[in-house]
Protein backbone atom coordinates (compact mmCIF):
# COMPACT_ATOMS: atom_id res chain seq x y z
CA MET A 1 -27.34 31.89 -23.88
CA ALA A 2 -23.92 32.27 -22.00
CA THR A 3 -22.26 29.10 -20.95
CA MET A 4 -20.19 28.29 -18.11
CA LYS A 5 -17.96 24.64 -17.26
CA ALA A 6 -19.21 22.41 -15.15
CA VAL A 7 -18.45 18.37 -13.71
CA GLN A 8 -21.87 16.81 -13.52
CA LEU A 9 -22.95 13.43 -12.22
CA THR A 10 -25.63 11.70 -14.08
CA ARG A 11 -26.08 8.82 -11.42
CA ALA A 12 -24.91 7.27 -8.82
CA LYS A 13 -21.34 5.81 -9.02
CA GLY A 14 -21.25 6.98 -12.44
CA GLN A 15 -18.06 8.86 -13.94
CA PHE A 16 -17.50 12.66 -13.33
CA GLU A 17 -18.64 14.83 -16.66
CA LEU A 18 -16.86 17.88 -17.73
CA ILE A 19 -20.10 19.55 -19.30
CA GLU A 20 -21.04 22.58 -20.24
CA ARG A 21 -24.19 24.22 -19.38
CA PRO A 22 -26.00 27.53 -18.95
CA ILE A 23 -24.88 30.08 -16.33
CA PRO A 24 -27.29 29.44 -13.77
CA GLU A 25 -29.75 33.04 -12.98
CA PRO A 26 -30.41 33.84 -8.98
CA LYS A 27 -34.29 33.30 -7.72
CA ALA A 28 -35.46 35.68 -4.85
CA GLY A 29 -33.78 35.12 -2.22
CA GLU A 30 -30.42 33.68 -3.89
CA VAL A 31 -26.77 35.26 -4.95
CA ARG A 32 -25.12 33.89 -8.01
CA ILE A 33 -21.37 32.95 -6.77
CA LYS A 34 -18.57 33.12 -9.24
CA VAL A 35 -16.18 30.06 -7.66
CA GLU A 36 -12.85 30.76 -7.58
CA ALA A 37 -12.00 27.24 -5.77
CA CYS A 38 -14.57 24.40 -4.51
CA GLY A 39 -12.64 21.75 -2.06
CA ILE A 40 -13.21 18.18 -2.57
CA CYS A 41 -14.76 16.44 0.71
CA HIS A 42 -14.88 13.12 1.85
CA SER A 43 -18.65 13.82 2.24
CA ASP A 44 -18.83 13.99 -1.96
CA VAL A 45 -19.00 10.27 -1.65
CA PHE A 46 -22.85 10.74 -0.92
CA VAL A 47 -23.12 12.15 -4.18
CA LYS A 48 -20.65 9.87 -6.06
CA ASP A 49 -22.19 6.85 -4.86
CA GLY A 50 -25.76 7.94 -4.98
CA LEU A 51 -25.68 7.42 -0.95
CA TRP A 52 -27.68 10.18 0.42
CA PRO A 53 -31.48 9.69 0.49
CA GLY A 54 -33.60 11.66 -2.11
CA ILE A 55 -30.69 12.83 -3.92
CA THR A 56 -31.61 13.27 -7.58
CA TYR A 57 -29.50 13.76 -11.03
CA PRO A 58 -27.51 15.34 -12.53
CA ARG A 59 -25.43 17.12 -9.98
CA ILE A 60 -22.67 19.31 -9.56
CA PRO A 61 -21.20 18.35 -6.17
CA GLY A 62 -19.51 20.73 -4.14
CA HIS A 63 -19.96 22.13 -0.47
CA GLU A 64 -16.30 24.20 0.19
CA VAL A 65 -16.96 26.80 -2.23
CA SER A 66 -14.75 30.30 -1.95
CA GLY A 67 -15.18 33.23 -4.72
CA HIS A 68 -17.28 36.22 -4.82
CA ILE A 69 -21.01 37.12 -5.84
CA ASP A 70 -21.80 38.53 -9.22
CA THR A 71 -25.14 38.56 -9.34
CA VAL A 72 -28.25 38.72 -6.71
CA GLY A 73 -31.89 37.96 -6.80
CA GLU A 74 -34.70 40.59 -5.64
CA GLN A 75 -35.32 40.44 -1.94
CA VAL A 76 -31.22 40.49 -1.11
CA THR A 77 -30.51 43.48 0.49
CA GLN A 78 -27.66 42.05 2.77
CA TRP A 79 -25.21 41.09 -0.26
CA LYS A 80 -23.97 42.94 -3.22
CA ASN A 81 -22.04 42.25 -6.50
CA GLY A 82 -18.07 41.97 -5.70
CA ASP A 83 -18.49 40.42 -2.30
CA ARG A 84 -15.96 37.76 -0.97
CA VAL A 85 -17.93 34.84 0.28
CA GLY A 86 -17.88 31.58 0.71
CA VAL A 87 -21.01 28.45 0.89
CA GLY A 88 -20.39 25.35 3.13
CA TRP A 89 -22.13 22.13 4.09
CA HIS A 90 -25.32 24.03 5.15
CA GLY A 91 -26.95 25.00 2.40
CA GLY A 92 -30.03 27.18 3.67
CA HIS A 93 -32.64 26.54 6.24
CA CYS A 94 -36.96 27.12 6.38
CA PHE A 95 -36.95 29.55 9.17
CA GLN A 96 -40.04 28.12 9.73
CA CYS A 97 -39.45 24.87 12.05
CA THR A 98 -39.03 24.24 15.86
CA CYS A 99 -35.22 24.17 15.24
CA CYS A 100 -35.34 27.09 13.16
CA ARG A 101 -37.64 29.05 15.33
CA ILE A 102 -35.19 28.75 18.29
CA GLY A 103 -32.05 29.38 16.08
CA ASP A 104 -31.00 26.15 15.72
CA PHE A 105 -30.44 26.38 12.03
CA ILE A 106 -27.70 23.64 11.42
CA ASN A 107 -30.36 21.19 12.63
CA CYS A 108 -33.27 22.62 10.12
CA GLU A 109 -35.83 19.87 9.47
CA GLN A 110 -35.80 21.32 6.26
CA ALA A 111 -31.97 21.80 5.83
CA LYS A 112 -30.50 22.09 2.30
CA ILE A 113 -26.85 21.20 1.15
CA ALA A 114 -25.15 22.74 -0.80
CA GLY A 115 -23.65 20.19 -3.89
CA ILE A 116 -26.57 17.79 -2.75
CA SER A 117 -29.92 19.90 -2.44
CA TYR A 118 -28.96 21.52 -5.44
CA ASP A 119 -26.18 22.17 -7.45
CA GLY A 120 -23.09 22.97 -5.93
CA GLY A 121 -19.23 24.17 -6.25
CA TYR A 122 -17.66 21.99 -8.96
CA ALA A 123 -18.92 24.79 -11.49
CA GLU A 124 -18.18 28.17 -12.58
CA TYR A 125 -20.70 29.33 -11.11
CA MET A 126 -23.23 28.26 -8.69
CA VAL A 127 -26.48 29.56 -7.14
CA ALA A 128 -27.21 29.75 -3.21
CA PRO A 129 -29.70 30.88 -0.93
CA GLN A 130 -28.20 34.04 0.66
CA GLU A 131 -28.68 32.68 4.21
CA ALA A 132 -26.01 30.32 3.47
CA VAL A 133 -23.52 32.60 2.46
CA ALA A 134 -21.01 33.49 4.25
CA HIS A 135 -18.59 36.39 4.21
CA MET A 136 -14.74 35.62 3.36
CA PRO A 137 -12.22 38.37 5.03
CA GLU A 138 -9.97 40.11 2.22
CA GLY A 139 -7.07 38.48 4.34
CA LEU A 140 -7.66 35.12 3.48
CA ASP A 141 -6.58 33.35 0.18
CA LEU A 142 -9.86 32.07 -1.72
CA VAL A 143 -7.76 28.76 -2.32
CA MET A 144 -7.05 28.41 0.80
CA SER A 145 -10.19 29.35 2.59
CA ALA A 146 -12.61 26.52 0.70
CA PRO A 147 -11.91 23.68 2.87
CA LEU A 148 -12.25 26.32 6.06
CA MET A 149 -15.99 26.22 4.70
CA CYS A 150 -15.84 22.59 6.03
CA ALA A 151 -12.72 20.83 7.42
CA GLY A 152 -12.81 24.46 9.03
CA ILE A 153 -16.24 25.15 10.86
CA THR A 154 -16.87 21.69 11.57
CA THR A 155 -13.45 21.60 14.15
CA PHE A 156 -13.53 25.35 15.03
CA ASN A 157 -17.10 25.37 15.83
CA ALA A 158 -16.73 21.60 17.48
CA LEU A 159 -13.79 23.16 19.58
CA ARG A 160 -15.09 26.34 20.48
CA ASN A 161 -18.80 24.44 22.38
CA SER A 162 -16.62 21.82 23.88
CA GLY A 163 -16.79 22.98 27.16
CA ALA A 164 -12.77 23.35 27.24
CA ARG A 165 -11.01 26.47 28.82
CA GLY A 166 -7.74 27.79 28.26
CA GLY A 167 -5.14 25.41 29.87
CA ASP A 168 -7.57 22.20 29.43
CA LEU A 169 -5.49 19.66 28.27
CA VAL A 170 -7.28 18.56 24.65
CA ALA A 171 -6.57 16.10 22.54
CA ILE A 172 -7.34 15.68 18.80
CA GLN A 173 -7.15 11.69 17.26
CA GLY A 174 -6.53 11.92 14.12
CA VAL A 175 -4.05 14.21 12.41
CA GLY A 176 -5.28 14.51 8.88
CA GLY A 177 -7.70 16.70 6.57
CA LEU A 178 -9.82 17.74 9.88
CA GLY A 179 -7.34 16.96 12.32
CA HIS A 180 -4.54 19.12 11.17
CA LEU A 181 -7.01 22.08 10.87
CA ALA A 182 -7.83 21.07 14.71
CA VAL A 183 -4.37 21.04 15.88
CA GLN A 184 -3.83 24.36 14.95
CA TYR A 185 -7.30 25.76 16.34
CA ALA A 186 -6.68 23.72 19.80
CA HIS A 187 -3.30 25.09 20.26
CA THR A 188 -4.55 29.05 19.10
CA MET A 189 -7.34 28.45 21.98
CA GLY A 190 -5.23 28.06 24.38
CA PHE A 191 -5.55 24.13 25.18
CA GLN A 192 -2.71 21.66 25.99
CA THR A 193 -2.60 20.28 22.73
CA VAL A 194 -2.10 16.83 22.37
CA ALA A 195 -2.29 15.54 18.92
CA ILE A 196 -3.04 11.32 18.54
CA SER A 197 -2.05 9.10 15.46
CA GLY A 198 -1.42 6.23 13.83
CA GLY A 199 2.68 6.75 12.56
CA ASN A 200 5.49 8.28 13.90
CA ASP A 201 5.97 10.43 10.74
CA LYS A 202 2.79 12.56 11.90
CA GLU A 203 4.94 13.60 14.87
CA GLN A 204 6.92 16.51 13.23
CA LEU A 205 4.36 18.04 11.59
CA ALA A 206 1.73 18.07 14.48
CA LYS A 207 4.36 19.39 16.83
CA GLU A 208 4.79 22.11 13.64
CA LEU A 209 1.62 23.06 13.62
CA GLY A 210 1.10 23.82 17.55
CA ALA A 211 0.60 19.86 19.01
CA HIS A 212 2.59 19.97 22.34
CA HIS A 213 2.54 16.05 23.04
CA PHE A 214 2.24 13.56 20.49
CA ILE A 215 0.99 10.08 20.96
CA ASN A 216 1.33 7.25 18.64
CA TYR A 217 -1.54 4.73 18.50
CA HIS A 218 1.02 1.70 18.12
CA ASP A 219 3.08 2.68 20.75
CA GLY A 220 0.90 1.15 22.98
CA SER A 221 -1.98 2.60 24.63
CA PRO A 222 -2.99 6.14 23.76
CA ALA A 223 -5.67 6.09 26.90
CA GLU A 224 -3.17 5.79 29.39
CA GLU A 225 -0.96 8.13 27.68
CA LEU A 226 -3.29 10.75 28.09
CA GLN A 227 -4.21 9.63 31.56
CA LYS A 228 -0.07 9.83 32.33
CA LEU A 229 -0.29 13.65 31.22
CA GLY A 230 -3.60 13.77 33.61
CA GLY A 231 -6.21 13.31 31.04
CA ALA A 232 -8.02 14.71 28.70
CA GLU A 233 -10.80 17.31 29.40
CA VAL A 234 -11.65 16.85 25.77
CA ILE A 235 -11.16 14.88 22.88
CA LEU A 236 -12.11 15.80 19.63
CA ALA A 237 -12.06 12.55 17.12
CA THR A 238 -11.55 13.57 13.85
CA ALA A 239 -10.87 10.29 12.46
CA PRO A 240 -13.37 7.68 10.89
CA SER A 241 -12.22 4.49 13.26
CA SER A 242 -14.96 3.60 16.03
CA LYS A 243 -12.85 1.10 17.50
CA ALA A 244 -10.22 3.84 17.67
CA ILE A 245 -12.51 6.41 18.72
CA ALA A 246 -14.17 4.05 21.41
CA SER A 247 -10.25 3.08 22.77
CA LEU A 248 -9.87 6.79 24.03
CA VAL A 249 -12.91 7.11 26.39
CA ASP A 250 -10.70 5.67 28.96
CA GLY A 251 -8.11 8.84 28.27
CA LEU A 252 -10.96 11.29 29.58
CA THR A 253 -10.95 13.13 32.91
CA PRO A 254 -13.69 11.47 34.92
CA ARG A 255 -16.25 14.31 33.49
CA GLY A 256 -14.56 14.80 30.50
CA LYS A 257 -15.93 15.06 27.13
CA LEU A 258 -15.50 12.86 23.74
CA VAL A 259 -16.97 14.78 20.97
CA ILE A 260 -17.29 13.36 17.51
CA VAL A 261 -17.05 14.81 14.84
CA ALA A 262 -15.66 12.02 11.99
CA ALA A 263 -18.34 10.56 10.16
CA ALA A 264 -17.52 6.79 10.76
CA SER A 265 -20.27 4.27 9.94
CA ASP A 266 -19.71 0.95 11.84
CA PRO A 267 -21.09 1.35 15.77
CA LEU A 268 -19.42 2.36 18.48
CA GLU A 269 -18.89 -0.19 21.21
CA VAL A 270 -18.43 1.77 24.82
CA ILE A 271 -18.21 -0.50 28.17
CA PRO A 272 -21.31 1.56 30.29
CA ILE A 273 -18.93 1.48 33.61
CA ALA A 274 -16.24 3.78 31.56
CA MET A 275 -19.09 6.69 31.83
CA ILE A 276 -20.33 6.27 35.45
CA SER A 277 -17.85 8.99 36.65
CA GLY A 278 -20.03 11.64 34.39
CA ARG A 279 -17.80 11.31 31.01
CA MET A 280 -19.96 12.12 28.04
CA ILE A 281 -19.74 11.42 24.20
CA ALA A 282 -21.27 13.77 22.16
CA GLY A 283 -21.18 14.43 18.16
CA TRP A 284 -21.34 18.12 16.79
CA PRO A 285 -22.49 19.31 13.39
CA SER A 286 -20.51 21.76 11.14
CA GLY A 287 -22.60 24.97 11.55
CA HIS A 288 -24.57 27.52 9.92
CA ALA A 289 -23.31 30.38 7.88
CA LYS A 290 -22.54 32.92 10.77
CA ASP A 291 -20.44 30.17 12.26
CA SER A 292 -18.51 29.69 9.43
CA GLU A 293 -17.77 32.82 8.79
CA ASP A 294 -16.66 32.83 12.88
CA ALA A 295 -14.16 30.04 11.69
CA LEU A 296 -13.23 32.19 8.81
CA ASN A 297 -12.21 35.32 10.79
CA PHE A 298 -10.35 33.14 13.49
CA SER A 299 -8.39 31.58 10.78
CA ALA A 300 -7.37 35.21 9.27
CA LEU A 301 -6.73 36.22 12.59
CA ALA A 302 -4.57 33.60 13.69
CA ASN A 303 -3.08 32.69 10.58
CA ILE A 304 -4.38 29.17 10.46
CA ARG A 305 -4.63 27.50 7.31
CA PRO A 306 -4.89 23.92 5.52
CA MET A 307 -2.77 21.83 3.55
CA VAL A 308 -3.73 21.87 0.14
CA GLU A 309 -3.48 20.28 -3.18
CA THR A 310 -5.36 22.15 -6.36
CA TYR A 311 -6.42 20.43 -9.08
CA PRO A 312 -7.64 22.30 -12.31
CA LEU A 313 -11.51 21.52 -12.98
CA ASP A 314 -10.66 19.26 -15.81
CA GLN A 315 -8.72 16.86 -13.77
CA VAL A 316 -11.71 16.56 -11.38
CA SER A 317 -11.62 12.78 -11.18
CA ASP A 318 -7.82 12.32 -10.51
CA ALA A 319 -8.48 15.13 -7.83
CA TYR A 320 -11.56 12.94 -5.95
CA THR A 321 -9.04 9.64 -6.40
CA GLN A 322 -6.24 11.77 -4.54
CA MET A 323 -8.36 12.52 -1.87
CA ILE A 324 -10.66 9.32 -1.37
CA THR A 325 -7.92 6.87 -1.87
CA ASN A 326 -6.80 8.94 1.67
CA LYS A 327 -3.34 9.90 -0.49
CA ALA A 328 -3.87 14.14 -0.37
CA ARG A 329 -2.05 15.87 2.51
CA PHE A 330 -4.22 16.94 3.64
CA ARG A 331 -7.36 18.61 1.45
CA VAL A 332 -7.96 18.68 -2.52
CA VAL A 333 -8.71 21.78 -4.10
CA LEU A 334 -10.27 22.32 -7.45
CA GLN A 335 -8.63 25.88 -8.85
CA ILE A 336 -11.75 27.22 -11.14
CA ASP A 337 -10.72 30.03 -13.76
C-alpha cells in the first residue's frame, strides 16, 4: 500500500508528529489533492489546543491548501486529474439546511472545516468534498496562493461586501497576516486606503502595499485622526484586540460600518450613543469555494501576493511557533515536495 508523509496531532495540546500513513482514497463526491503547499493559520490553534467543539483525534490540520487533483471519486464531474486547486476554511456543506437552500453555504448548519472536520493539508495528500475545492488560476504560484485560501478570501470578501464604493475612505486596522493583504485589496478596489497599526515600523511597508495614509495607535486617537480625514465609510478590523477595535468606532462617518474579521475572544465594549447616528458593527465570515475563486482570480489580475516564510514539512513545529508567537512576517507556509 502506497504511503505518504503527514503531520498529525493525537490529542489536544499534544506535539506535532511526522508520520507515514496510507494515501487516502476519495469516496463518491470527493477528490484527492496532491498538496504542494499549506499555510499555517492562527485558527490552527483550534486543532492544536483542542478548542473546537467535537473535534476528534488523531487529526491532520491545515486549511490553506494549494496543489493539484490527482484522483477523483465517483460522481465527480466538475474536476479532473491535473487541475490546479485550493481548499480553504470552508470544507463542504450539506446542500439541505435553510442556509444552503438560499445559497448561504458558508453558514451551513452542517458545514465542514478542512483540517478540523476531516484531515487537512499538513500532508502530501488530502481528500476533500468536491464543493470545497476552488480552481487556482495559472498565474498564481502555488506557495504564494496557499494563504489566499484563508487570509486572502477573508479580507477580499469582507471588503467587496462592505458596501464601500470607489473613492470612499476605508481603514484597515492591523498590518499583519490579514491586514497586509487587506491593504492591497482596498487600494486596488479604488478605496482611499488608511492603514492603522501600533508602530512606525509598519508605515513604510503599509504605503508600499498601497496605503494612502498611515495612523499610528501610539501617536494619539486613531478615531480622531480618521475624522480629520473626513471619517471612514468602512473600517476593516483584522487584528484581534477588542479594545483596539472598539476605539475605532468614533472614526466612522455617521452611517459608516465597522467590519470585523479578527477572531478576538474578549468582549467588545461600545458606548451605545456612538451608534445612534446609524453606525453599524458587523462581522464577516471567509467564504465558500466560489468566493475563493473570485479572490484568487482578483489576486492574479491585480498582482496581489502575501508575504510568506516557508518551511519544509519536517519543520512544522518551528513553523507553528513562528506563527503563534506573532514573529512571522506575515504568513507561514509549509512547502511540501
